[in-house]
Amino acid sequence: MLLLFLVAACSTTEELTADKEMERSAISAEELLYSVPDYRDDLLTLSGRGRAIVSEPGNSERVTLQFQSNRNESLFQVRTSVGVEGGQIYVDSDSLLIYNRVDRIAEKAPLHQGKLSSVGSIASVNMIDLFNFTFDADEVVEIYETSGTYVAVLHNQAMVTISKNTGLIQEVVHASANFQAPFSRIEYEGYAEIENFKLPRRITVISSDGQSRATLLVQNLDINVTLPELGIDLPDDIPVYRL
């Protein structure tokens, strides 16, 4: 697996207001959130398959991901472009357990570890939270707007860009001061309605310098299915290294 980024960085509020197309909006946080999908009570499990396209200076890679997730944990099966099963990633609320089946090693890292594999960067966010980013009205400090979007600035200085036409989130950017953010920027594209849920089919995680990115292209997605117990059954002879 390739080593990646996840050092958070973004524009400050001052830089945001310096954009000549951006101005303060009169819309309230409650009015804004009324149009933004919030599935916290209804979206309980996800099971799906997709391709992860990873690009960084001097290297690129494509892998196939199968993933299962509930609100507390996620499990990923990784297969390389030549069909080799590369391993598994298990994520709970505190850490990632990465099992490299090819090299026969396992590594356990804090959830907000700065040096994660390319696939680990996608896995560092619970998949349900990744597909449906949510926030509350009392988290909003300011709202700006352009001709086509609203930008909500949150207490933690994250910026959320929302389409005026659809209410769908287009981008989430975290502030450099928020070292607990498991990503610097995430872009959402290709929304589709799946079993009455509007969810993105293309999610891109971008590094702080803009030179590295990992894009998940969703090929299949099942909603609220019954999942098996999630976890990795490591062979007894596999050592676990803590990062």
C-alpha atoms as a PDB file:
ATOM      1  CA  MET A   1       0.000   0.000   0.000  1.00  0.00           C
ATOM      2  CA  LEU A   2       1.124   3.511  -0.728  1.00  0.00           C
ATOM      3  CA  LEU A   3       1.811   5.961   2.090  1.00  0.00           C
ATOM      4  CA  LEU A   4      -0.412   9.019   2.044  1.00  0.00           C
ATOM      5  CA  PHE A   5      -1.161  12.338   3.479  1.00  0.00           C
ATOM      6  CA  LEU A   6      -4.016  13.255   5.817  1.00  0.00           C
ATOM      7  CA  VAL A   7      -2.280  16.351   7.175  1.00  0.00           C
ATOM      8  CA  ALA A   8      -5.221  18.728   7.342  1.00  0.00           C
ATOM      9  CA  ALA A   9      -5.048  22.180   5.786  1.00  0.00           C
ATOM     10  CA  CYS A  10      -7.504  24.626   4.302  1.00  0.00           C
ATOM     11  CA  SER A  11      -8.304  28.254   3.614  1.00  0.00           C
ATOM     12  CA  THR A  12      -9.051  30.494   6.566  1.00  0.00           C
ATOM     13  CA  THR A  13     -12.299  32.394   6.910  1.00  0.00           C
ATOM     14  CA  GLU A  14     -10.422  35.549   5.902  1.00  0.00           C
ATOM     15  CA  GLU A  15      -9.310  33.883   2.663  1.00  0.00           C
ATOM     16  CA  LEU A  16     -12.858  32.746   2.067  1.00  0.00           C
ATOM     17  CA  THR A  17     -14.291  36.248   2.309  1.00  0.00           C
ATOM     18  CA  ALA A  18     -11.517  37.530   0.049  1.00  0.00           C
ATOM     19  CA  ASP A  19     -13.144  35.620  -2.807  1.00  0.00           C
ATOM     20  CA  LYS A  20     -14.905  38.327  -4.825  1.00  0.00           C
ATOM     21  CA  GLU A  21     -17.739  35.934  -5.713  1.00  0.00           C
ATOM     22  CA  MET A  22     -18.372  35.052  -2.066  1.00  0.00           C
ATOM     23  CA  GLU A  23     -20.570  37.142   0.221  1.00  0.00           C
ATOM     24  CA  ARG A  24     -22.271  36.659   3.558  1.00  0.00           C
ATOM     25  CA  SER A  25     -25.633  34.975   3.253  1.00  0.00           C
ATOM     26  CA  ALA A  26     -28.849  35.997   4.967  1.00  0.00           C
ATOM     27  CA  ILE A  27     -30.058  32.389   5.160  1.00  0.00           C
ATOM     28  CA  SER A  28     -30.182  30.903   8.659  1.00  0.00           C
ATOM     29  CA  ALA A  29     -28.448  27.658   9.603  1.00  0.00           C
ATOM     30  CA  GLU A  30     -31.826  26.041  10.213  1.00  0.00           C
ATOM     31  CA  GLU A  31     -33.063  27.055   6.751  1.00  0.00           C
ATOM     32  CA  LEU A  32     -29.873  25.771   5.145  1.00  0.00           C
ATOM     33  CA  LEU A  33     -29.977  22.409   6.883  1.00  0.00           C
ATOM     34  CA  TYR A  34     -33.630  21.913   5.964  1.00  0.00           C
ATOM     35  CA  SER A  35     -32.527  21.081   2.405  1.00  0.00           C
ATOM     36  CA  VAL A  36     -29.433  19.001   3.301  1.00  0.00           C
ATOM     37  CA  PRO A  37     -29.997  15.202   3.526  1.00  0.00           C
ATOM     38  CA  ASP A  38     -29.491  13.937   7.084  1.00  0.00           C
ATOM     39  CA  TYR A  39     -29.819  10.174   7.380  1.00  0.00           C
ATOM     40  CA  ARG A  40     -28.502   9.721  10.917  1.00  0.00           C
ATOM     41  CA  ASP A  41     -31.747   8.078  12.038  1.00  0.00           C
ATOM     42  CA  ASP A  42     -32.459   6.058   8.897  1.00  0.00           C
ATOM     43  CA  LEU A  43     -29.159   4.930   7.333  1.00  0.00           C
ATOM     44  CA  LEU A  44     -27.927   2.153   9.622  1.00  0.00           C
ATOM     45  CA  THR A  45     -25.774  -0.135   7.453  1.00  0.00           C
ATOM     46  CA  LEU A  46     -23.995  -0.073   4.098  1.00  0.00           C
ATOM     47  CA  SER A  47     -22.562  -2.874   2.001  1.00  0.00           C
ATOM     48  CA  GLY A  48     -20.891  -2.145  -1.292  1.00  0.00           C
ATOM     49  CA  ARG A  49     -18.138  -2.537  -3.839  1.00  0.00           C
ATOM     50  CA  GLY A  50     -16.052  -0.009  -5.722  1.00  0.00           C
ATOM     51  CA  ARG A  51     -12.708   0.921  -7.214  1.00  0.00           C
ATOM     52  CA  ALA A  52     -10.197   3.106  -5.440  1.00  0.00           C
ATOM     53  CA  ILE A  53      -7.973   5.132  -7.744  1.00  0.00           C
ATOM     54  CA  VAL A  54      -4.913   6.458  -5.949  1.00  0.00           C
ATOM     55  CA  SER A  55      -2.623   9.099  -7.410  1.00  0.00           C
ATOM     56  CA  GLU A  56       0.429  10.706  -5.827  1.00  0.00           C
ATOM     57  CA  PRO A  57       3.705  12.110  -7.198  1.00  0.00           C
ATOM     58  CA  GLY A  58       5.557   9.386  -9.075  1.00  0.00           C
ATOM     59  CA  ASN A  59       3.003   6.670  -8.431  1.00  0.00           C
ATOM     60  CA  SER A  60      -0.559   5.558  -9.044  1.00  0.00           C
ATOM     61  CA  GLU A  61      -2.582   2.473  -8.214  1.00  0.00           C
ATOM     62  CA  ARG A  62      -6.030   0.979  -8.688  1.00  0.00           C
ATOM     63  CA  VAL A  63      -7.575  -1.448  -6.233  1.00  0.00           C
ATOM     64  CA  THR A  64     -11.002  -2.999  -5.764  1.00  0.00           C
ATOM     65  CA  LEU A  65     -12.725  -2.448  -2.424  1.00  0.00           C
ATOM     66  CA  GLN A  66     -15.551  -4.370  -0.854  1.00  0.00           C
ATOM     67  CA  PHE A  67     -16.844  -2.676   2.264  1.00  0.00           C
ATOM     68  CA  GLN A  68     -19.392  -3.201   5.012  1.00  0.00           C
ATOM     69  CA  SER A  69     -20.254  -0.643   7.651  1.00  0.00           C
ATOM     70  CA  ASN A  70     -22.596   0.069  10.505  1.00  0.00           C
ATOM     71  CA  ARG A  71     -22.643   3.219  12.633  1.00  0.00           C
ATOM     72  CA  ASN A  72     -19.773   2.007  14.829  1.00  0.00           C
ATOM     73  CA  GLU A  73     -17.383   0.057  12.621  1.00  0.00           C
ATOM     74  CA  SER A  74     -16.364  -0.699   9.038  1.00  0.00           C
ATOM     75  CA  LEU A  75     -14.620  -3.604   7.313  1.00  0.00           C
ATOM     76  CA  PHE A  76     -12.799  -3.456   3.961  1.00  0.00           C
ATOM     77  CA  GLN A  77     -11.576  -6.235   1.684  1.00  0.00           C
ATOM     78  CA  VAL A  78      -8.840  -5.022  -0.685  1.00  0.00           C
ATOM     79  CA  ARG A  79      -7.950  -6.609  -4.022  1.00  0.00           C
ATOM     80  CA  THR A  80      -5.243  -5.268  -6.335  1.00  0.00           C
ATOM     81  CA  SER A  81      -5.649  -4.508 -10.042  1.00  0.00           C
ATOM     82  CA  VAL A  82      -4.105  -7.883 -10.951  1.00  0.00           C
ATOM     83  CA  GLY A  83      -6.627  -9.757  -8.828  1.00  0.00           C
ATOM     84  CA  VAL A  84      -4.414 -10.442  -5.806  1.00  0.00           C
ATOM     85  CA  GLU A  85      -6.177 -10.180  -2.444  1.00  0.00           C
ATOM     86  CA  GLY A  86      -4.137  -7.507  -0.713  1.00  0.00           C
ATOM     87  CA  GLY A  87      -5.689  -7.646   2.730  1.00  0.00           C
ATOM     88  CA  GLN A  88      -8.313  -6.235   5.064  1.00  0.00           C
ATOM     89  CA  ILE A  89      -8.900  -3.045   7.042  1.00  0.00           C
ATOM     90  CA  TYR A  90     -11.072  -2.946  10.133  1.00  0.00           C
ATOM     91  CA  VAL A  91     -12.091   0.424  11.577  1.00  0.00           C
ATOM     92  CA  ASP A  92     -13.837   1.210  14.843  1.00  0.00           C
ATOM     93  CA  SER A  93     -14.272   4.502  16.698  1.00  0.00           C
ATOM     94  CA  ASP A  94     -10.636   4.612  17.871  1.00  0.00           C
ATOM     95  CA  SER A  95      -8.301   2.821  15.489  1.00  0.00           C
ATOM     96  CA  LEU A  96      -7.607   1.024  12.228  1.00  0.00           C
ATOM     97  CA  LEU A  97      -6.340  -2.544  12.013  1.00  0.00           C
ATOM     98  CA  ILE A  98      -4.651  -3.064   8.642  1.00  0.00           C
ATOM     99  CA  TYR A  99      -3.859  -6.649   7.631  1.00  0.00           C
ATOM    100  CA  ASN A 100      -1.443  -6.947   4.710  1.00  0.00           C
ATOM    101  CA  ARG A 101      -2.098 -10.468   3.476  1.00  0.00           C
ATOM    102  CA  VAL A 102       0.725 -10.379   0.925  1.00  0.00           C
ATOM    103  CA  ASP A 103       3.463  -9.411   3.410  1.00  0.00           C
ATOM    104  CA  ARG A 104       1.753 -11.278   6.259  1.00  0.00           C
ATOM    105  CA  ILE A 105       1.845  -8.424   8.762  1.00  0.00           C
ATOM    106  CA  ALA A 106      -0.816  -6.457  10.628  1.00  0.00           C
ATOM    107  CA  GLU A 107      -0.570  -2.838  11.780  1.00  0.00           C
ATOM    108  CA  LYS A 108      -2.815  -1.035  14.235  1.00  0.00           C
ATOM    109  CA  ALA A 109      -2.922   2.760  14.037  1.00  0.00           C
ATOM    110  CA  PRO A 110      -4.859   5.523  15.812  1.00  0.00           C
ATOM    111  CA  LEU A 111      -7.832   6.646  13.754  1.00  0.00           C
ATOM    112  CA  HIS A 112      -6.243  10.066  13.091  1.00  0.00           C
ATOM    113  CA  GLN A 113      -2.771   8.770  12.294  1.00  0.00           C
ATOM    114  CA  GLY A 114      -1.119  11.115   9.798  1.00  0.00           C
ATOM    115  CA  LYS A 115       0.705   8.390   7.859  1.00  0.00           C
ATOM    116  CA  LEU A 116      -1.845   5.963   6.548  1.00  0.00           C
ATOM    117  CA  SER A 117      -1.956   3.880   3.411  1.00  0.00           C
ATOM    118  CA  SER A 118      -3.826   5.201   0.394  1.00  0.00           C
ATOM    119  CA  VAL A 119      -6.764   2.890   1.054  1.00  0.00           C
ATOM    120  CA  GLY A 120      -6.437   3.603   4.771  1.00  0.00           C
ATOM    121  CA  SER A 121      -7.099   7.262   4.070  1.00  0.00           C
ATOM    122  CA  ILE A 122     -10.550   6.399   2.750  1.00  0.00           C
ATOM    123  CA  ALA A 123     -11.124   3.914   5.565  1.00  0.00           C
ATOM    124  CA  SER A 124     -10.195   6.435   8.264  1.00  0.00           C
ATOM    125  CA  VAL A 125     -13.758   7.782   8.202  1.00  0.00           C
ATOM    126  CA  ASN A 126     -16.718   5.560   9.057  1.00  0.00           C
ATOM    127  CA  MET A 127     -18.244   4.737   5.671  1.00  0.00           C
ATOM    128  CA  ILE A 128     -21.737   5.866   6.623  1.00  0.00           C
ATOM    129  CA  ASP A 129     -20.354   9.205   7.842  1.00  0.00           C
ATOM    130  CA  LEU A 130     -18.279   9.437   4.654  1.00  0.00           C
ATOM    131  CA  PHE A 131     -21.289   8.926   2.385  1.00  0.00           C
ATOM    132  CA  ASN A 132     -23.582  11.179   4.427  1.00  0.00           C
ATOM    133  CA  PHE A 133     -21.638  14.001   6.085  1.00  0.00           C
ATOM    134  CA  THR A 134     -23.857  15.724   8.653  1.00  0.00           C
ATOM    135  CA  PHE A 135     -23.666  18.684  11.013  1.00  0.00           C
ATOM    136  CA  ASP A 136     -26.055  20.594  13.289  1.00  0.00           C
ATOM    137  CA  ALA A 137     -27.286  24.184  13.156  1.00  0.00           C
ATOM    138  CA  ASP A 138     -25.550  25.106  16.410  1.00  0.00           C
ATOM    139  CA  GLU A 139     -22.196  24.146  14.860  1.00  0.00           C
ATOM    140  CA  VAL A 140     -22.501  26.859  12.196  1.00  0.00           C
ATOM    141  CA  VAL A 141     -20.627  30.136  12.764  1.00  0.00           C
ATOM    142  CA  GLU A 142     -21.140  31.879   9.413  1.00  0.00           C
ATOM    143  CA  ILE A 143     -22.778  31.159   6.065  1.00  0.00           C
ATOM    144  CA  TYR A 144     -21.472  32.555   2.781  1.00  0.00           C
ATOM    145  CA  GLU A 145     -22.822  32.137  -0.719  1.00  0.00           C
ATOM    146  CA  THR A 146     -22.023  32.336  -4.406  1.00  0.00           C
ATOM    147  CA  SER A 147     -24.487  32.266  -7.281  1.00  0.00           C
ATOM    148  CA  GLY A 148     -24.765  28.481  -7.021  1.00  0.00           C
ATOM    149  CA  THR A 149     -23.580  27.408  -3.578  1.00  0.00           C
ATOM    150  CA  TYR A 150     -23.725  28.035   0.145  1.00  0.00           C
ATOM    151  CA  VAL A 151     -20.597  27.648   2.283  1.00  0.00           C
ATOM    152  CA  ALA A 152     -21.147  26.920   5.967  1.00  0.00           C
ATOM    153  CA  VAL A 153     -18.221  27.659   8.297  1.00  0.00           C
ATOM    154  CA  LEU A 154     -18.353  25.515  11.433  1.00  0.00           C
ATOM    155  CA  HIS A 155     -16.978  26.098  14.944  1.00  0.00           C
ATOM    156  CA  ASN A 156     -14.014  23.811  14.183  1.00  0.00           C
ATOM    157  CA  GLN A 157     -13.317  25.987  11.088  1.00  0.00           C
ATOM    158  CA  ALA A 158     -14.384  23.261   8.689  1.00  0.00           C
ATOM    159  CA  MET A 159     -16.094  24.603   5.553  1.00  0.00           C
ATOM    160  CA  VAL A 160     -18.989  22.743   3.932  1.00  0.00           C
ATOM    161  CA  THR A 161     -19.998  23.646   0.369  1.00  0.00           C
ATOM    162  CA  ILE A 162     -23.636  22.907  -0.479  1.00  0.00           C
ATOM    163  CA  SER A 163     -25.460  23.184  -3.795  1.00  0.00           C
ATOM    164  CA  LYS A 164     -28.271  25.751  -3.756  1.00  0.00           C
ATOM    165  CA  ASN A 165     -30.257  23.774  -6.316  1.00  0.00           C
ATOM    166  CA  THR A 166     -30.143  20.339  -4.701  1.00  0.00           C
ATOM    167  CA  GLY A 167     -29.068  20.845  -1.079  1.00  0.00           C
ATOM    168  CA  LEU A 168     -26.376  18.197  -1.634  1.00  0.00           C
ATOM    169  CA  ILE A 169     -22.898  18.575  -0.150  1.00  0.00           C
ATOM    170  CA  GLN A 170     -20.219  19.127  -2.778  1.00  0.00           C
ATOM    171  CA  GLU A 171     -17.122  19.529  -0.616  1.00  0.00           C
ATOM    172  CA  VAL A 172     -15.911  19.400   2.990  1.00  0.00           C
ATOM    173  CA  VAL A 173     -12.659  21.176   3.885  1.00  0.00           C
ATOM    174  CA  HIS A 174     -11.037  20.965   7.304  1.00  0.00           C
ATOM    175  CA  ALA A 175      -8.983  23.698   8.939  1.00  0.00           C
ATOM    176  CA  SER A 176      -5.254  23.249   9.480  1.00  0.00           C
ATOM    177  CA  ALA A 177      -5.819  23.813  13.209  1.00  0.00           C
ATOM    178  CA  ASN A 178      -8.044  20.752  13.438  1.00  0.00           C
ATOM    179  CA  PHE A 179      -5.432  18.024  13.812  1.00  0.00           C
ATOM    180  CA  GLN A 180      -8.140  15.480  14.652  1.00  0.00           C
ATOM    181  CA  ALA A 181      -9.583  15.703  11.144  1.00  0.00           C
ATOM    182  CA  PRO A 182      -8.977  12.400   9.327  1.00  0.00           C
ATOM    183  CA  PHE A 183      -8.749  14.240   5.969  1.00  0.00           C
ATOM    184  CA  SER A 184      -7.939  17.650   4.573  1.00  0.00           C
ATOM    185  CA  ARG A 185     -10.614  17.830   1.876  1.00  0.00           C
ATOM    186  CA  ILE A 186     -13.288  15.553   0.485  1.00  0.00           C
ATOM    187  CA  GLU A 187     -15.172  16.118  -2.778  1.00  0.00           C
ATOM    188  CA  TYR A 188     -18.544  14.537  -3.572  1.00  0.00           C
ATOM    189  CA  GLU A 189     -19.866  13.907  -7.095  1.00  0.00           C
ATOM    190  CA  GLY A 190     -22.341  11.801  -9.030  1.00  0.00           C
ATOM    191  CA  TYR A 191     -25.186  11.681  -6.536  1.00  0.00           C
ATOM    192  CA  ALA A 192     -27.830   9.037  -7.207  1.00  0.00           C
ATOM    193  CA  GLU A 193     -31.021   8.030  -5.447  1.00  0.00           C
ATOM    194  CA  ILE A 194     -30.609   4.573  -3.920  1.00  0.00           C
ATOM    195  CA  GLU A 195     -33.618   3.202  -2.055  1.00  0.00           C
ATOM    196  CA  ASN A 196     -34.829   6.769  -1.336  1.00  0.00           C
ATOM    197  CA  PHE A 197     -31.383   7.882  -0.119  1.00  0.00           C
ATOM    198  CA  LYS A 198     -29.431  10.453  -2.135  1.00  0.00           C
ATOM    199  CA  LEU A 199     -25.807   9.304  -1.915  1.00  0.00           C
ATOM    200  CA  PRO A 200     -22.609  10.117  -3.869  1.00  0.00           C
ATOM    201  CA  ARG A 201     -21.148   7.576  -6.301  1.00  0.00           C
ATOM    202  CA  ARG A 202     -17.751   9.289  -6.489  1.00  0.00           C
ATOM    203  CA  ILE A 203     -15.842  10.419  -3.385  1.00  0.00           C
ATOM    204  CA  THR A 204     -12.359  11.932  -3.550  1.00  0.00           C
ATOM    205  CA  VAL A 205     -10.070  12.371  -0.549  1.00  0.00           C
ATOM    206  CA  ILE A 206      -7.414  15.039  -1.263  1.00  0.00           C
ATOM    207  CA  SER A 207      -4.113  15.718   0.468  1.00  0.00           C
ATOM    208  CA  SER A 208      -3.189  19.091   1.951  1.00  0.00           C
ATOM    209  CA  ASP A 209      -0.817  19.978  -0.901  1.00  0.00           C
ATOM    210  CA  GLY A 210      -3.258  18.901  -3.609  1.00  0.00           C
ATOM    211  CA  GLN A 211      -0.727  16.501  -5.117  1.00  0.00           C
ATOM    212  CA  SER A 212      -2.130  13.249  -3.714  1.00  0.00           C
ATOM    213  CA  ARG A 213      -5.653  11.937  -3.902  1.00  0.00           C
ATOM    214  CA  ALA A 214      -7.647   8.750  -3.422  1.00  0.00           C
ATOM    215  CA  THR A 215     -10.929   8.457  -5.319  1.00  0.00           C
ATOM    216  CA  LEU A 216     -13.601   5.871  -4.535  1.00  0.00           C
ATOM    217  CA  LEU A 217     -15.844   5.009  -7.486  1.00  0.00           C
ATOM    218  CA  VAL A 218     -18.879   3.157  -6.157  1.00  0.00           C
ATOM    219  CA  GLN A 219     -20.036   0.277  -8.350  1.00  0.00           C
ATOM    220  CA  ASN A 220     -22.621  -1.317  -6.079  1.00  0.00           C
ATOM    221  CA  LEU A 221     -24.285  -0.184  -2.849  1.00  0.00           C
ATOM    222  CA  ASP A 222     -26.840  -1.949  -0.646  1.00  0.00           C
ATOM    223  CA  ILE A 223     -28.667  -0.024   2.094  1.00  0.00           C
ATOM    224  CA  ASN A 224     -29.724  -1.247   5.536  1.00  0.00           C
ATOM    225  CA  VAL A 225     -28.871  -4.887   4.919  1.00  0.00           C
ATOM    226  CA  THR A 226     -28.121  -7.334   7.733  1.00  0.00           C
ATOM    227  CA  LEU A 227     -24.354  -7.537   8.199  1.00  0.00           C
ATOM    228  CA  PRO A 228     -22.268 -10.335   9.680  1.00  0.00           C
ATOM    229  CA  GLU A 229     -20.103  -9.623  12.715  1.00  0.00           C
ATOM    230  CA  LEU A 230     -17.394  -7.253  11.493  1.00  0.00           C
ATOM    231  CA  GLY A 231     -13.723  -7.871  12.256  1.00  0.00           C
ATOM    232  CA  ILE A 232     -10.510  -9.501  11.033  1.00  0.00           C
ATOM    233  CA  ASP A 233      -9.727 -13.085  11.992  1.00  0.00           C
ATOM    234  CA  LEU A 234      -5.925 -12.880  12.013  1.00  0.00           C
ATOM    235  CA  PRO A 235      -3.875 -16.094  11.751  1.00  0.00           C
ATOM    236  CA  ASP A 236      -2.118 -16.937  15.020  1.00  0.00           C
ATOM    237  CA  ASP A 237       1.355 -16.427  13.521  1.00  0.00           C
ATOM    238  CA  ILE A 238       0.692 -12.859  12.280  1.00  0.00           C
ATOM    239  CA  PRO A 239       2.332 -10.166  14.475  1.00  0.00           C
ATOM    240  CA  VAL A 240       0.457  -6.907  15.129  1.00  0.00           C
ATOM    241  CA  TYR A 241       2.617  -3.753  15.028  1.00  0.00           C
ATOM    242  CA  ARG A 242       1.359  -0.549  16.617  1.00  0.00           C
ATOM    243  CA  LEU A 243       2.018   2.665  14.683  1.00  0.00           C
END
